[in-house]
Amino acid sequence: MAPNKKGVGFRWQDPKNQGNGVRIDKGDPNVSQPTQQVDHVIVRSNGKVIGRDGKPIEGSIKYNAAQAHIPLSEYKKWKNWNSPN
């Protein structure tokens, strides 16, 4: 694990597959996106951003923020690092 570029939160990247990683960000109550107002997680599996349903999101994080930013409280219940199932 390493600190995030923003300095708040952590990042893990699989040394054997750079397309696998998890980033945990601190929530910011001043942003417009509700899913970014709480501590949240971005999951990448084989280079694809994984949504709250465990499936790759459509489009980019910017255009699918609600699916891409998984609340940390929800992510903690996931059974696998890259899937809720």
PDB file of N, CA and C in Angstrom:
ATOM      1  N   MET A   1       0.845  -1.180   0.000  1.00  0.00           N
ATOM      2  CA  MET A   1       0.000   0.000   0.000  1.00  0.00           C
ATOM      3  C   MET A   1       0.883   1.233   0.000  1.00  0.00           C
ATOM      4  N   ALA A   2       0.365   2.253  -0.642  1.00  0.00           N
ATOM      5  CA  ALA A   2       1.073   3.525  -0.709  1.00  0.00           C
ATOM      6  C   ALA A   2       0.067   4.654  -0.510  1.00  0.00           C
ATOM      7  N   PRO A   3       0.521   5.827  -0.072  1.00  0.00           N
ATOM      8  CA  PRO A   3      -0.408   6.950   0.061  1.00  0.00           C
ATOM      9  C   PRO A   3      -0.922   7.388  -1.318  1.00  0.00           C
ATOM     10  N   ASN A   4      -2.113   7.976  -1.350  1.00  0.00           N
ATOM     11  CA  ASN A   4      -2.653   8.525  -2.589  1.00  0.00           C
ATOM     12  C   ASN A   4      -1.876   9.760  -3.000  1.00  0.00           C
ATOM     13  N   LYS A   5      -2.002  10.135  -4.261  1.00  0.00           N
ATOM     14  CA  LYS A   5      -1.352  11.349  -4.753  1.00  0.00           C
ATOM     15  C   LYS A   5      -1.863  12.581  -4.023  1.00  0.00           C
ATOM     16  N   LYS A   6      -3.153  12.568  -3.636  1.00  0.00           N
ATOM     17  CA  LYS A   6      -3.732  13.698  -2.909  1.00  0.00           C
ATOM     18  C   LYS A   6      -3.245  13.740  -1.465  1.00  0.00           C
ATOM     19  N   GLY A   7      -2.631  12.653  -0.997  1.00  0.00           N
ATOM     20  CA  GLY A   7      -2.093  12.612   0.343  1.00  0.00           C
ATOM     21  C   GLY A   7      -3.051  12.100   1.400  1.00  0.00           C
ATOM     22  N   VAL A   8      -4.328  11.935   1.066  1.00  0.00           N
ATOM     23  CA  VAL A   8      -5.310  11.429   2.021  1.00  0.00           C
ATOM     24  C   VAL A   8      -5.903  10.151   1.450  1.00  0.00           C
ATOM     25  N   GLY A   9      -5.632   9.044   2.105  1.00  0.00           N
ATOM     26  CA  GLY A   9      -6.110   7.760   1.603  1.00  0.00           C
ATOM     27  C   GLY A   9      -4.954   6.868   1.191  1.00  0.00           C
ATOM     28  N   PHE A  10      -5.294   5.724   0.613  1.00  0.00           N
ATOM     29  CA  PHE A  10      -4.272   4.742   0.255  1.00  0.00           C
ATOM     30  C   PHE A  10      -4.548   4.143  -1.115  1.00  0.00           C
ATOM     31  N   ARG A  11      -3.501   3.542  -1.664  1.00  0.00           N
ATOM     32  CA  ARG A  11      -3.589   2.909  -2.970  1.00  0.00           C
ATOM     33  C   ARG A  11      -2.826   1.595  -2.918  1.00  0.00           C
ATOM     34  N   TRP A  12      -3.430   0.548  -3.466  1.00  0.00           N
ATOM     35  CA  TRP A  12      -2.756  -0.734  -3.624  1.00  0.00           C
ATOM     36  C   TRP A  12      -2.801  -1.089  -5.099  1.00  0.00           C
ATOM     37  N   GLN A  13      -1.667  -1.532  -5.626  1.00  0.00           N
ATOM     38  CA  GLN A  13      -1.609  -1.991  -7.010  1.00  0.00           C
ATOM     39  C   GLN A  13      -0.891  -3.328  -7.028  1.00  0.00           C
ATOM     40  N   ASP A  14      -1.451  -4.273  -7.764  1.00  0.00           N
ATOM     41  CA  ASP A  14      -0.886  -5.607  -7.880  1.00  0.00           C
ATOM     42  C   ASP A  14       0.426  -5.531  -8.650  1.00  0.00           C
ATOM     43  N   PRO A  15       1.540  -5.912  -8.033  1.00  0.00           N
ATOM     44  CA  PRO A  15       2.824  -5.827  -8.731  1.00  0.00           C
ATOM     45  C   PRO A  15       2.920  -6.773  -9.933  1.00  0.00           C
ATOM     46  N   LYS A  16       2.084  -7.802  -9.951  1.00  0.00           N
ATOM     47  CA  LYS A  16       2.108  -8.764 -11.062  1.00  0.00           C
ATOM     48  C   LYS A  16       1.138  -8.391 -12.183  1.00  0.00           C
ATOM     49  N   ASN A  17       0.190  -7.499 -11.904  1.00  0.00           N
ATOM     50  CA  ASN A  17      -0.776  -7.059 -12.909  1.00  0.00           C
ATOM     51  C   ASN A  17      -1.141  -5.613 -12.600  1.00  0.00           C
ATOM     52  N   GLN A  18      -0.538  -4.672 -13.321  1.00  0.00           N
ATOM     53  CA  GLN A  18      -0.744  -3.244 -13.064  1.00  0.00           C
ATOM     54  C   GLN A  18      -2.196  -2.809 -13.284  1.00  0.00           C
ATOM     55  N   GLY A  19      -2.994  -3.646 -13.928  1.00  0.00           N
ATOM     56  CA  GLY A  19      -4.408  -3.347 -14.148  1.00  0.00           C
ATOM     57  C   GLY A  19      -5.280  -3.667 -12.957  1.00  0.00           C
ATOM     58  N   ASN A  20      -4.696  -4.238 -11.906  1.00  0.00           N
ATOM     59  CA  ASN A  20      -5.430  -4.557 -10.681  1.00  0.00           C
ATOM     60  C   ASN A  20      -5.026  -3.588  -9.585  1.00  0.00           C
ATOM     61  N   GLY A  21      -6.024  -2.978  -8.956  1.00  0.00           N
ATOM     62  CA  GLY A  21      -5.701  -2.066  -7.864  1.00  0.00           C
ATOM     63  C   GLY A  21      -6.931  -1.571  -7.147  1.00  0.00           C
ATOM     64  N   VAL A  22      -6.693  -1.042  -5.966  1.00  0.00           N
ATOM     65  CA  VAL A  22      -7.747  -0.475  -5.130  1.00  0.00           C
ATOM     66  C   VAL A  22      -7.232   0.854  -4.590  1.00  0.00           C
ATOM     67  N   ARG A  23      -8.071   1.886  -4.706  1.00  0.00           N
ATOM     68  CA  ARG A  23      -7.722   3.200  -4.149  1.00  0.00           C
ATOM     69  C   ARG A  23      -8.801   3.584  -3.155  1.00  0.00           C
ATOM     70  N   ILE A  24      -8.398   3.955  -1.962  1.00  0.00           N
ATOM     71  CA  ILE A  24      -9.327   4.393  -0.926  1.00  0.00           C
ATOM     72  C   ILE A  24      -9.126   5.892  -0.726  1.00  0.00           C
ATOM     73  N   ASP A  25     -10.202   6.646  -0.928  1.00  0.00           N
ATOM     74  CA  ASP A  25     -10.143   8.109  -0.812  1.00  0.00           C
ATOM     75  C   ASP A  25     -10.969   8.588   0.370  1.00  0.00           C
ATOM     76  N   LYS A  26     -10.504   9.649   0.993  1.00  0.00           N
ATOM     77  CA  LYS A  26     -11.249  10.305   2.067  1.00  0.00           C
ATOM     78  C   LYS A  26     -12.386  11.095   1.442  1.00  0.00           C
ATOM     79  N   GLY A  27     -13.568  11.028   2.034  1.00  0.00           N
ATOM     80  CA  GLY A  27     -14.702  11.794   1.542  1.00  0.00           C
ATOM     81  C   GLY A  27     -14.496  13.291   1.725  1.00  0.00           C
ATOM     82  N   ASP A  28     -15.149  14.068   0.865  1.00  0.00           N
ATOM     83  CA  ASP A  28     -15.090  15.524   0.944  1.00  0.00           C
ATOM     84  C   ASP A  28     -16.528  16.045   0.920  1.00  0.00           C
ATOM     85  N   PRO A  29     -17.042  16.528   2.053  1.00  0.00           N
ATOM     86  CA  PRO A  29     -18.432  16.977   2.121  1.00  0.00           C
ATOM     87  C   PRO A  29     -18.742  18.167   1.221  1.00  0.00           C
ATOM     88  N   ASN A  30     -17.720  18.806   0.655  1.00  0.00           N
ATOM     89  CA  ASN A  30     -17.927  19.988  -0.176  1.00  0.00           C
ATOM     90  C   ASN A  30     -18.048  19.694  -1.667  1.00  0.00           C
ATOM     91  N   VAL A  31     -17.912  18.431  -2.090  1.00  0.00           N
ATOM     92  CA  VAL A  31     -18.045  18.102  -3.517  1.00  0.00           C
ATOM     93  C   VAL A  31     -19.510  17.843  -3.848  1.00  0.00           C
ATOM     94  N   SER A  32     -19.851  17.959  -5.127  1.00  0.00           N
ATOM     95  CA  SER A  32     -21.248  17.825  -5.541  1.00  0.00           C
ATOM     96  C   SER A  32     -21.726  16.370  -5.607  1.00  0.00           C
ATOM     97  N   GLN A  33     -20.825  15.419  -5.840  1.00  0.00           N
ATOM     98  CA  GLN A  33     -21.212  14.011  -5.967  1.00  0.00           C
ATOM     99  C   GLN A  33     -21.395  13.375  -4.588  1.00  0.00           C
ATOM    100  N   PRO A  34     -22.606  12.889  -4.257  1.00  0.00           N
ATOM    101  CA  PRO A  34     -22.838  12.273  -2.940  1.00  0.00           C
ATOM    102  C   PRO A  34     -21.901  11.103  -2.647  1.00  0.00           C
ATOM    103  N   THR A  35     -21.549  10.315  -3.668  1.00  0.00           N
ATOM    104  CA  THR A  35     -20.686   9.154  -3.428  1.00  0.00           C
ATOM    105  C   THR A  35     -19.248   9.559  -3.123  1.00  0.00           C
ATOM    106  N   GLN A  36     -18.892  10.819  -3.388  1.00  0.00           N
ATOM    107  CA  GLN A  36     -17.559  11.304  -3.061  1.00  0.00           C
ATOM    108  C   GLN A  36     -17.546  12.104  -1.754  1.00  0.00           C
ATOM    109  N   GLN A  37     -18.710  12.313  -1.164  1.00  0.00           N
ATOM    110  CA  GLN A  37     -18.794  13.043   0.098  1.00  0.00           C
ATOM    111  C   GLN A  37     -18.435  12.156   1.285  1.00  0.00           C
ATOM    112  N   VAL A  38     -18.454  10.842   1.088  1.00  0.00           N
ATOM    113  CA  VAL A  38     -18.085   9.870   2.128  1.00  0.00           C
ATOM    114  C   VAL A  38     -16.798   9.171   1.696  1.00  0.00           C
ATOM    115  N   ASP A  39     -16.099   8.535   2.646  1.00  0.00           N
ATOM    116  CA  ASP A  39     -14.920   7.755   2.286  1.00  0.00           C
ATOM    117  C   ASP A  39     -15.357   6.720   1.251  1.00  0.00           C
ATOM    118  N   HIS A  40     -14.575   6.568   0.166  1.00  0.00           N
ATOM    119  CA  HIS A  40     -14.988   5.716  -0.927  1.00  0.00           C
ATOM    120  C   HIS A  40     -13.799   4.997  -1.557  1.00  0.00           C
ATOM    121  N   VAL A  41     -14.119   4.005  -2.388  1.00  0.00           N
ATOM    122  CA  VAL A  41     -13.121   3.128  -2.982  1.00  0.00           C
ATOM    123  C   VAL A  41     -13.309   3.104  -4.503  1.00  0.00           C
ATOM    124  N   ILE A  42     -12.190   3.103  -5.228  1.00  0.00           N
ATOM    125  CA  ILE A  42     -12.181   2.872  -6.671  1.00  0.00           C
ATOM    126  C   ILE A  42     -11.475   1.532  -6.869  1.00  0.00           C
ATOM    127  N   VAL A  43     -12.119   0.610  -7.571  1.00  0.00           N
ATOM    128  CA  VAL A  43     -11.563  -0.727  -7.797  1.00  0.00           C
ATOM    129  C   VAL A  43     -11.286  -0.897  -9.285  1.00  0.00           C
ATOM    130  N   ARG A  44     -10.071  -1.345  -9.619  1.00  0.00           N
ATOM    131  CA  ARG A  44      -9.718  -1.683 -11.005  1.00  0.00           C
ATOM    132  C   ARG A  44      -9.329  -3.156 -11.041  1.00  0.00           C
ATOM    133  N   SER A  45      -9.962  -3.873 -11.952  1.00  0.00           N
ATOM    134  CA  SER A  45      -9.657  -5.287 -12.126  1.00  0.00           C
ATOM    135  C   SER A  45      -9.377  -5.525 -13.599  1.00  0.00           C
ATOM    136  N   ASN A  46      -8.181  -5.997 -13.899  1.00  0.00           N
ATOM    137  CA  ASN A  46      -7.745  -6.197 -15.288  1.00  0.00           C
ATOM    138  C   ASN A  46      -7.935  -4.936 -16.122  1.00  0.00           C
ATOM    139  N   GLY A  47      -7.630  -3.786 -15.519  1.00  0.00           N
ATOM    140  CA  GLY A  47      -7.664  -2.515 -16.232  1.00  0.00           C
ATOM    141  C   GLY A  47      -9.034  -1.872 -16.328  1.00  0.00           C
ATOM    142  N   LYS A  48     -10.068  -2.524 -15.830  1.00  0.00           N
ATOM    143  CA  LYS A  48     -11.420  -1.978 -15.901  1.00  0.00           C
ATOM    144  C   LYS A  48     -11.877  -1.527 -14.516  1.00  0.00           C
ATOM    145  N   VAL A  49     -12.542  -0.371 -14.473  1.00  0.00           N
ATOM    146  CA  VAL A  49     -13.093   0.117 -13.219  1.00  0.00           C
ATOM    147  C   VAL A  49     -14.342  -0.702 -12.912  1.00  0.00           C
ATOM    148  N   ILE A  50     -14.394  -1.226 -11.699  1.00  0.00           N
ATOM    149  CA  ILE A  50     -15.502  -2.067 -11.270  1.00  0.00           C
ATOM    150  C   ILE A  50     -16.501  -1.212 -10.488  1.00  0.00           C
ATOM    151  N   GLY A  51     -17.780  -1.362 -10.825  1.00  0.00           N
ATOM    152  CA  GLY A  51     -18.838  -0.596 -10.180  1.00  0.00           C
ATOM    153  C   GLY A  51     -19.354  -1.255  -8.922  1.00  0.00           C
ATOM    154  N   ARG A  52     -20.305  -0.599  -8.300  1.00  0.00           N
ATOM    155  CA  ARG A  52     -20.872  -1.069  -7.036  1.00  0.00           C
ATOM    156  C   ARG A  52     -21.530  -2.431  -7.172  1.00  0.00           C
ATOM    157  N   ASP A  53     -21.945  -2.797  -8.390  1.00  0.00           N
ATOM    158  CA  ASP A  53     -22.583  -4.088  -8.625  1.00  0.00           C
ATOM    159  C   ASP A  53     -21.568  -5.195  -8.931  1.00  0.00           C
ATOM    160  N   GLY A  54     -20.284  -4.850  -8.956  1.00  0.00           N
ATOM    161  CA  GLY A  54     -19.247  -5.836  -9.223  1.00  0.00           C
ATOM    162  C   GLY A  54     -18.933  -6.025 -10.696  1.00  0.00           C
ATOM    163  N   LYS A  55     -19.567  -5.242 -11.556  1.00  0.00           N
ATOM    164  CA  LYS A  55     -19.354  -5.342 -13.005  1.00  0.00           C
ATOM    165  C   LYS A  55     -18.608  -4.108 -13.495  1.00  0.00           C
ATOM    166  N   PRO A  56     -17.867  -4.240 -14.611  1.00  0.00           N
ATOM    167  CA  PRO A  56     -17.182  -3.066 -15.158  1.00  0.00           C
ATOM    168  C   PRO A  56     -18.179  -1.952 -15.479  1.00  0.00           C
ATOM    169  N   ILE A  57     -17.796  -0.719 -15.186  1.00  0.00           N
ATOM    170  CA  ILE A  57     -18.682   0.410 -15.459  1.00  0.00           C
ATOM    171  C   ILE A  57     -18.672   0.735 -16.946  1.00  0.00           C
ATOM    172  N   GLU A  58     -19.711   1.384 -17.392  1.00  0.00           N
ATOM    173  CA  GLU A  58     -19.778   1.906 -18.754  1.00  0.00           C
ATOM    174  C   GLU A  58     -19.110   3.267 -18.771  1.00  0.00           C
ATOM    175  N   GLY A  59     -18.270   3.516 -19.741  1.00  0.00           N
ATOM    176  CA  GLY A  59     -17.630   4.819 -19.860  1.00  0.00           C
ATOM    177  C   GLY A  59     -16.569   5.054 -18.789  1.00  0.00           C
ATOM    178  N   SER A  60     -16.334   6.312 -18.489  1.00  0.00           N
ATOM    179  CA  SER A  60     -15.261   6.691 -17.569  1.00  0.00           C
ATOM    180  C   SER A  60     -15.783   6.925 -16.152  1.00  0.00           C
ATOM    181  N   ILE A  61     -14.851   7.041 -15.216  1.00  0.00           N
ATOM    182  CA  ILE A  61     -15.196   7.354 -13.830  1.00  0.00           C
ATOM    183  C   ILE A  61     -15.944   8.686 -13.781  1.00  0.00           C
ATOM    184  N   LYS A  62     -15.473   9.651 -14.543  1.00  0.00           N
ATOM    185  CA  LYS A  62     -16.075  10.987 -14.530  1.00  0.00           C
ATOM    186  C   LYS A  62     -17.555  10.935 -14.899  1.00  0.00           C
ATOM    187  N   TYR A  63     -17.898  10.125 -15.903  1.00  0.00           N
ATOM    188  CA  TYR A  63     -19.274  10.086 -16.386  1.00  0.00           C
ATOM    189  C   TYR A  63     -20.129   9.023 -15.697  1.00  0.00           C
ATOM    190  N   ASN A  64     -19.525   8.214 -14.849  1.00  0.00           N
ATOM    191  CA  ASN A  64     -20.279   7.199 -14.125  1.00  0.00           C
ATOM    192  C   ASN A  64     -19.825   7.179 -12.663  1.00  0.00           C
ATOM    193  N   ALA A  65     -19.755   8.372 -12.079  1.00  0.00           N
ATOM    194  CA  ALA A  65     -19.199   8.544 -10.729  1.00  0.00           C
ATOM    195  C   ALA A  65     -19.965   7.763  -9.669  1.00  0.00           C
ATOM    196  N   ALA A  66     -21.286   7.696  -9.773  1.00  0.00           N
ATOM    197  CA  ALA A  66     -22.088   7.019  -8.748  1.00  0.00           C
ATOM    198  C   ALA A  66     -21.769   5.527  -8.686  1.00  0.00           C
ATOM    199  N   GLN A  67     -21.480   4.901  -9.819  1.00  0.00           N
ATOM    200  CA  GLN A  67     -21.127   3.482  -9.833  1.00  0.00           C
ATOM    201  C   GLN A  67     -19.660   3.266  -9.465  1.00  0.00           C
ATOM    202  N   ALA A  68     -18.786   4.169  -9.925  1.00  0.00           N
ATOM    203  CA  ALA A  68     -17.342   3.986  -9.752  1.00  0.00           C
ATOM    204  C   ALA A  68     -16.864   4.250  -8.330  1.00  0.00           C
ATOM    205  N   HIS A  69     -17.509   5.176  -7.630  1.00  0.00           N
ATOM    206  CA  HIS A  69     -17.105   5.526  -6.263  1.00  0.00           C
ATOM    207  C   HIS A  69     -17.940   4.706  -5.279  1.00  0.00           C
ATOM    208  N   ILE A  70     -17.368   3.629  -4.799  1.00  0.00           N
ATOM    209  CA  ILE A  70     -18.055   2.710  -3.899  1.00  0.00           C
ATOM    210  C   ILE A  70     -17.839   3.194  -2.462  1.00  0.00           C
ATOM    211  N   PRO A  71     -18.916   3.492  -1.731  1.00  0.00           N
ATOM    212  CA  PRO A  71     -18.718   3.907  -0.332  1.00  0.00           C
ATOM    213  C   PRO A  71     -17.900   2.851   0.422  1.00  0.00           C
ATOM    214  N   LEU A  72     -16.942   3.306   1.226  1.00  0.00           N
ATOM    215  CA  LEU A  72     -16.074   2.388   1.961  1.00  0.00           C
ATOM    216  C   LEU A  72     -16.889   1.449   2.841  1.00  0.00           C
ATOM    217  N   SER A  73     -17.952   1.958   3.449  1.00  0.00           N
ATOM    218  CA  SER A  73     -18.783   1.110   4.305  1.00  0.00           C
ATOM    219  C   SER A  73     -19.408  -0.038   3.511  1.00  0.00           C
ATOM    220  N   GLU A  74     -19.732   0.213   2.250  1.00  0.00           N
ATOM    221  CA  GLU A  74     -20.292  -0.821   1.372  1.00  0.00           C
ATOM    222  C   GLU A  74     -19.181  -1.777   0.920  1.00  0.00           C
ATOM    223  N   TYR A  75     -18.020  -1.211   0.552  1.00  0.00           N
ATOM    224  CA  TYR A  75     -16.909  -2.032   0.061  1.00  0.00           C
ATOM    225  C   TYR A  75     -16.426  -3.025   1.121  1.00  0.00           C
ATOM    226  N   LYS A  76     -16.459  -2.635   2.375  1.00  0.00           N
ATOM    227  CA  LYS A  76     -16.003  -3.519   3.455  1.00  0.00           C
ATOM    228  C   LYS A  76     -16.808  -4.807   3.522  1.00  0.00           C
ATOM    229  N   LYS A  77     -18.000  -4.821   2.950  1.00  0.00           N
ATOM    230  CA  LYS A  77     -18.857  -6.014   2.944  1.00  0.00           C
ATOM    231  C   LYS A  77     -18.588  -6.923   1.745  1.00  0.00           C
ATOM    232  N   TRP A  78     -17.777  -6.453   0.787  1.00  0.00           N
ATOM    233  CA  TRP A  78     -17.478  -7.268  -0.392  1.00  0.00           C
ATOM    234  C   TRP A  78     -16.756  -8.539   0.042  1.00  0.00           C
ATOM    235  N   LYS A  79     -17.040  -9.635  -0.634  1.00  0.00           N
ATOM    236  CA  LYS A  79     -16.432 -10.930  -0.303  1.00  0.00           C
ATOM    237  C   LYS A  79     -15.036 -11.063  -0.919  1.00  0.00           C
ATOM    238  N   ASN A  80     -14.773 -10.377  -2.019  1.00  0.00           N
ATOM    239  CA  ASN A  80     -13.463 -10.410  -2.678  1.00  0.00           C
ATOM    240  C   ASN A  80     -13.011  -8.970  -2.903  1.00  0.00           C
ATOM    241  N   TRP A  81     -11.718  -8.770  -3.122  1.00  0.00           N
ATOM    242  CA  TRP A  81     -11.206  -7.422  -3.307  1.00  0.00           C
ATOM    243  C   TRP A  81     -11.824  -6.744  -4.524  1.00  0.00           C
ATOM    244  N   ASN A  82     -12.253  -7.533  -5.529  1.00  0.00           N
ATOM    245  CA  ASN A  82     -12.765  -6.953  -6.770  1.00  0.00           C
ATOM    246  C   ASN A  82     -14.204  -7.367  -7.084  1.00  0.00           C
ATOM    247  N   SER A  83     -14.933  -7.896  -6.101  1.00  0.00           N
ATOM    248  CA  SER A  83     -16.298  -8.335  -6.344  1.00  0.00           C
ATOM    249  C   SER A  83     -17.083  -8.437  -5.034  1.00  0.00           C
ATOM    250  N   PRO A  84     -18.354  -7.995  -5.062  1.00  0.00           N
ATOM    251  CA  PRO A  84     -19.159  -8.128  -3.855  1.00  0.00           C
ATOM    252  C   PRO A  84     -19.609  -9.574  -3.621  1.00  0.00           C
ATOM    253  N   ASN A  85     -19.471 -10.421  -4.637  1.00  0.00           N
ATOM    254  CA  ASN A  85     -19.948 -11.811  -4.549  1.00  0.00           C
ATOM    255  C   ASN A  85     -18.837 -12.796  -4.248  1.00  0.00           C
TER     256      ASN A  85
END
